[in-house]
Amino acid sequence: MRIVLYLLALILVLPTLVRLVLTVLRALLAPTGKPARAEAEGIPLRGELKRDPVCGTFVSTAVSVKKSVRGEVLHFCSAECRDKHDG
């Protein structure tokens, strides 16, 4: 009976231990100094976010498609949204 309990405990605990060891190994072996994916693709990670008035998507002012309407600069996520805008 004692052997069955030991085996049951091992079956329940072993996957958790393996996950813990793999997580630690991934953290230790992860490359450092590598730029974030967005930065590597040329997308700035900083900047003010504005809401696209057509679709409601938030877009960085650094990469937005801009349109001036009655002296106000509007920011769009794409040229399609800019062209849909009626203002």
N, C-alpha and C. Protein backbone atom coordinates (compact mmCIF):
# COMPACT_ATOMS: atom_id res chain seq x y z
N MET A 1 0.83 -1.19 0.00
CA MET A 1 0.00 0.00 0.00
C MET A 1 0.87 1.26 0.00
N ARG A 2 1.96 1.20 0.77
CA ARG A 2 2.85 2.34 0.87
C ARG A 2 3.48 2.65 -0.50
N ILE A 3 3.81 1.64 -1.27
CA ILE A 3 4.42 1.82 -2.60
C ILE A 3 3.43 2.52 -3.53
N VAL A 4 2.18 2.15 -3.44
CA VAL A 4 1.15 2.77 -4.28
C VAL A 4 1.03 4.26 -3.95
N LEU A 5 1.08 4.60 -2.69
CA LEU A 5 1.01 6.01 -2.30
C LEU A 5 2.22 6.79 -2.79
N TYR A 6 3.42 6.18 -2.71
CA TYR A 6 4.63 6.83 -3.21
C TYR A 6 4.54 7.05 -4.72
N LEU A 7 4.06 6.06 -5.44
CA LEU A 7 3.90 6.20 -6.89
C LEU A 7 2.89 7.28 -7.24
N LEU A 8 1.80 7.32 -6.52
CA LEU A 8 0.77 8.34 -6.76
C LEU A 8 1.33 9.73 -6.49
N ALA A 9 2.07 9.90 -5.42
CA ALA A 9 2.68 11.19 -5.11
C ALA A 9 3.68 11.58 -6.19
N LEU A 10 4.46 10.63 -6.66
CA LEU A 10 5.43 10.89 -7.72
C LEU A 10 4.75 11.31 -9.01
N ILE A 11 3.67 10.66 -9.36
CA ILE A 11 2.92 11.00 -10.57
C ILE A 11 2.34 12.41 -10.48
N LEU A 12 1.91 12.81 -9.30
CA LEU A 12 1.32 14.14 -9.13
C LEU A 12 2.36 15.25 -9.04
N VAL A 13 3.53 14.96 -8.49
CA VAL A 13 4.54 15.99 -8.25
C VAL A 13 5.53 16.12 -9.40
N LEU A 14 5.82 15.04 -10.09
CA LEU A 14 6.84 15.04 -11.13
C LEU A 14 6.59 16.07 -12.24
N PRO A 15 5.39 16.20 -12.80
CA PRO A 15 5.19 17.20 -13.86
C PRO A 15 5.46 18.64 -13.38
N THR A 16 5.12 18.94 -12.16
CA THR A 16 5.38 20.27 -11.61
C THR A 16 6.87 20.52 -11.48
N LEU A 17 7.61 19.53 -11.02
CA LEU A 17 9.06 19.67 -10.89
C LEU A 17 9.72 19.85 -12.26
N VAL A 18 9.27 19.09 -13.24
CA VAL A 18 9.83 19.22 -14.59
C VAL A 18 9.56 20.61 -15.15
N ARG A 19 8.33 21.12 -14.99
CA ARG A 19 8.00 22.47 -15.45
C ARG A 19 8.87 23.52 -14.78
N LEU A 20 9.11 23.37 -13.49
CA LEU A 20 9.94 24.31 -12.74
C LEU A 20 11.37 24.30 -13.26
N VAL A 21 11.93 23.13 -13.47
CA VAL A 21 13.29 23.02 -13.99
C VAL A 21 13.39 23.62 -15.38
N LEU A 22 12.43 23.35 -16.25
CA LEU A 22 12.45 23.92 -17.60
C LEU A 22 12.33 25.44 -17.59
N THR A 23 11.51 25.97 -16.71
CA THR A 23 11.37 27.42 -16.60
C THR A 23 12.68 28.07 -16.18
N VAL A 24 13.34 27.48 -15.21
CA VAL A 24 14.63 28.00 -14.74
C VAL A 24 15.67 27.91 -15.85
N LEU A 25 15.71 26.80 -16.56
CA LEU A 25 16.67 26.65 -17.65
C LEU A 25 16.42 27.66 -18.77
N ARG A 26 15.15 27.89 -19.12
CA ARG A 26 14.83 28.89 -20.15
C ARG A 26 15.29 30.27 -19.73
N ALA A 27 15.09 30.62 -18.47
CA ALA A 27 15.49 31.93 -17.97
C ALA A 27 17.01 32.08 -18.00
N LEU A 28 17.71 31.02 -17.67
CA LEU A 28 19.18 31.08 -17.66
C LEU A 28 19.77 31.11 -19.06
N LEU A 29 19.14 30.44 -20.00
CA LEU A 29 19.68 30.34 -21.35
C LEU A 29 19.12 31.37 -22.32
N ALA A 30 18.20 32.23 -21.86
CA ALA A 30 17.61 33.24 -22.75
C ALA A 30 18.66 34.26 -23.15
N PRO A 31 18.65 34.66 -24.43
CA PRO A 31 19.62 35.67 -24.88
C PRO A 31 19.32 37.02 -24.24
N THR A 32 20.37 37.74 -23.93
CA THR A 32 20.20 39.06 -23.33
C THR A 32 20.63 40.12 -24.32
N GLY A 33 20.08 41.30 -24.16
CA GLY A 33 20.45 42.41 -25.03
C GLY A 33 19.77 42.37 -26.39
N LYS A 34 18.91 41.42 -26.61
CA LYS A 34 18.21 41.30 -27.88
C LYS A 34 17.06 42.30 -27.90
N PRO A 35 16.90 43.08 -28.98
CA PRO A 35 15.81 44.06 -29.01
C PRO A 35 14.45 43.37 -29.07
N ALA A 36 13.46 44.05 -28.58
CA ALA A 36 12.11 43.53 -28.62
C ALA A 36 11.68 43.37 -30.08
N ARG A 37 10.73 42.48 -30.32
CA ARG A 37 10.30 42.19 -31.69
C ARG A 37 9.81 43.44 -32.41
N ALA A 38 9.01 44.23 -31.74
CA ALA A 38 8.48 45.44 -32.37
C ALA A 38 9.60 46.40 -32.72
N GLU A 39 10.56 46.56 -31.82
CA GLU A 39 11.68 47.44 -32.08
C GLU A 39 12.53 46.92 -33.23
N ALA A 40 12.71 45.62 -33.30
CA ALA A 40 13.50 45.02 -34.37
C ALA A 40 12.83 45.22 -35.73
N GLU A 41 11.51 45.32 -35.74
CA GLU A 41 10.77 45.53 -36.98
C GLU A 41 10.60 47.01 -37.30
N GLY A 42 11.20 47.88 -36.50
CA GLY A 42 11.13 49.31 -36.78
C GLY A 42 9.90 50.01 -36.22
N ILE A 43 9.16 49.34 -35.36
CA ILE A 43 7.98 49.95 -34.75
C ILE A 43 8.40 50.55 -33.42
N PRO A 44 8.24 51.87 -33.25
CA PRO A 44 8.67 52.48 -31.99
C PRO A 44 7.83 51.99 -30.82
N LEU A 45 8.49 51.80 -29.68
CA LEU A 45 7.79 51.34 -28.49
C LEU A 45 7.35 52.49 -27.60
N ARG A 46 7.74 53.70 -27.97
CA ARG A 46 7.36 54.86 -27.17
C ARG A 46 6.48 55.78 -28.01
N GLY A 47 5.88 56.73 -27.34
CA GLY A 47 5.08 57.72 -28.05
C GLY A 47 3.67 57.74 -27.51
N GLU A 48 3.02 58.81 -27.83
CA GLU A 48 1.65 59.00 -27.38
C GLU A 48 0.71 58.17 -28.25
N LEU A 49 -0.32 57.61 -27.64
CA LEU A 49 -1.31 56.86 -28.38
C LEU A 49 -2.53 57.72 -28.63
N LYS A 50 -3.04 57.66 -29.83
CA LYS A 50 -4.27 58.36 -30.20
C LYS A 50 -5.25 57.34 -30.74
N ARG A 51 -6.53 57.64 -30.57
CA ARG A 51 -7.57 56.71 -31.03
C ARG A 51 -7.99 57.06 -32.45
N ASP A 52 -8.01 56.05 -33.30
CA ASP A 52 -8.47 56.22 -34.68
C ASP A 52 -9.96 56.53 -34.64
N PRO A 53 -10.39 57.66 -35.21
CA PRO A 53 -11.81 58.03 -35.14
C PRO A 53 -12.72 57.14 -35.97
N VAL A 54 -12.18 56.33 -36.86
CA VAL A 54 -13.01 55.48 -37.71
C VAL A 54 -13.22 54.11 -37.07
N CYS A 55 -12.13 53.42 -36.76
CA CYS A 55 -12.25 52.04 -36.27
C CYS A 55 -12.05 51.91 -34.76
N GLY A 56 -11.52 52.97 -34.10
CA GLY A 56 -11.35 52.94 -32.66
C GLY A 56 -10.04 52.33 -32.18
N THR A 57 -9.18 51.92 -33.11
CA THR A 57 -7.89 51.35 -32.73
C THR A 57 -6.99 52.43 -32.18
N PHE A 58 -6.21 52.10 -31.16
CA PHE A 58 -5.22 53.04 -30.65
C PHE A 58 -3.94 52.87 -31.44
N VAL A 59 -3.38 53.99 -31.89
CA VAL A 59 -2.19 53.95 -32.73
C VAL A 59 -1.18 54.98 -32.21
N SER A 60 0.11 54.63 -32.31
CA SER A 60 1.17 55.53 -31.89
C SER A 60 1.23 56.72 -32.83
N THR A 61 1.43 57.89 -32.28
CA THR A 61 1.53 59.08 -33.12
C THR A 61 2.77 59.02 -34.01
N ALA A 62 3.74 58.21 -33.64
CA ALA A 62 4.97 58.11 -34.44
C ALA A 62 4.74 57.37 -35.75
N VAL A 63 3.77 56.46 -35.79
CA VAL A 63 3.55 55.67 -37.01
C VAL A 63 2.16 55.86 -37.60
N SER A 64 1.37 56.74 -37.05
CA SER A 64 0.00 56.92 -37.53
C SER A 64 -0.03 57.62 -38.87
N VAL A 65 -1.14 57.42 -39.59
CA VAL A 65 -1.42 58.15 -40.82
C VAL A 65 -2.19 59.39 -40.39
N LYS A 66 -1.67 60.55 -40.72
CA LYS A 66 -2.24 61.80 -40.20
C LYS A 66 -3.08 62.51 -41.26
N LYS A 67 -4.09 63.25 -40.76
CA LYS A 67 -4.95 64.05 -41.63
C LYS A 67 -5.36 65.28 -40.83
N SER A 68 -5.25 66.43 -41.44
CA SER A 68 -5.63 67.67 -40.78
C SER A 68 -7.07 68.02 -41.16
N VAL A 69 -7.91 68.18 -40.15
CA VAL A 69 -9.31 68.53 -40.37
C VAL A 69 -9.63 69.75 -39.52
N ARG A 70 -9.95 70.86 -40.16
CA ARG A 70 -10.28 72.13 -39.49
C ARG A 70 -9.23 72.51 -38.44
N GLY A 71 -7.97 72.35 -38.82
CA GLY A 71 -6.87 72.74 -37.95
C GLY A 71 -6.50 71.71 -36.89
N GLU A 72 -7.23 70.61 -36.83
CA GLU A 72 -6.93 69.56 -35.85
C GLU A 72 -6.30 68.37 -36.58
N VAL A 73 -5.23 67.85 -36.02
CA VAL A 73 -4.56 66.69 -36.62
C VAL A 73 -5.21 65.42 -36.07
N LEU A 74 -5.73 64.59 -36.98
CA LEU A 74 -6.32 63.31 -36.60
C LEU A 74 -5.33 62.21 -36.95
N HIS A 75 -5.33 61.17 -36.15
CA HIS A 75 -4.40 60.06 -36.34
C HIS A 75 -5.19 58.80 -36.68
N PHE A 76 -4.79 58.13 -37.77
CA PHE A 76 -5.47 56.93 -38.25
C PHE A 76 -4.50 55.76 -38.26
N CYS A 77 -5.05 54.55 -38.13
CA CYS A 77 -4.20 53.35 -38.14
C CYS A 77 -3.77 52.97 -39.55
N SER A 78 -4.52 53.41 -40.56
CA SER A 78 -4.19 53.04 -41.93
C SER A 78 -4.73 54.09 -42.90
N ALA A 79 -4.25 54.02 -44.13
CA ALA A 79 -4.74 54.92 -45.17
C ALA A 79 -6.22 54.63 -45.46
N GLU A 80 -6.63 53.38 -45.32
CA GLU A 80 -8.03 53.02 -45.57
C GLU A 80 -8.95 53.73 -44.58
N CYS A 81 -8.57 53.74 -43.30
CA CYS A 81 -9.39 54.43 -42.30
C CYS A 81 -9.39 55.94 -42.57
N ARG A 82 -8.24 56.48 -42.96
CA ARG A 82 -8.17 57.90 -43.27
C ARG A 82 -9.12 58.25 -44.41
N ASP A 83 -9.16 57.39 -45.46
CA ASP A 83 -10.01 57.65 -46.61
C ASP A 83 -11.49 57.46 -46.29
N LYS A 84 -11.82 56.62 -45.30
CA LYS A 84 -13.21 56.43 -44.90
C LYS A 84 -13.75 57.60 -44.09
N HIS A 85 -12.86 58.35 -43.46
CA HIS A 85 -13.28 59.45 -42.58
C HIS A 85 -13.98 60.52 -43.41
N ASP A 86 -15.11 60.98 -42.94
CA ASP A 86 -15.91 61.95 -43.73
C ASP A 86 -15.58 63.40 -43.44
N GLY A 87 -14.79 63.65 -42.40
CA GLY A 87 -14.51 65.03 -42.02
C GLY A 87 -13.53 65.66 -42.93
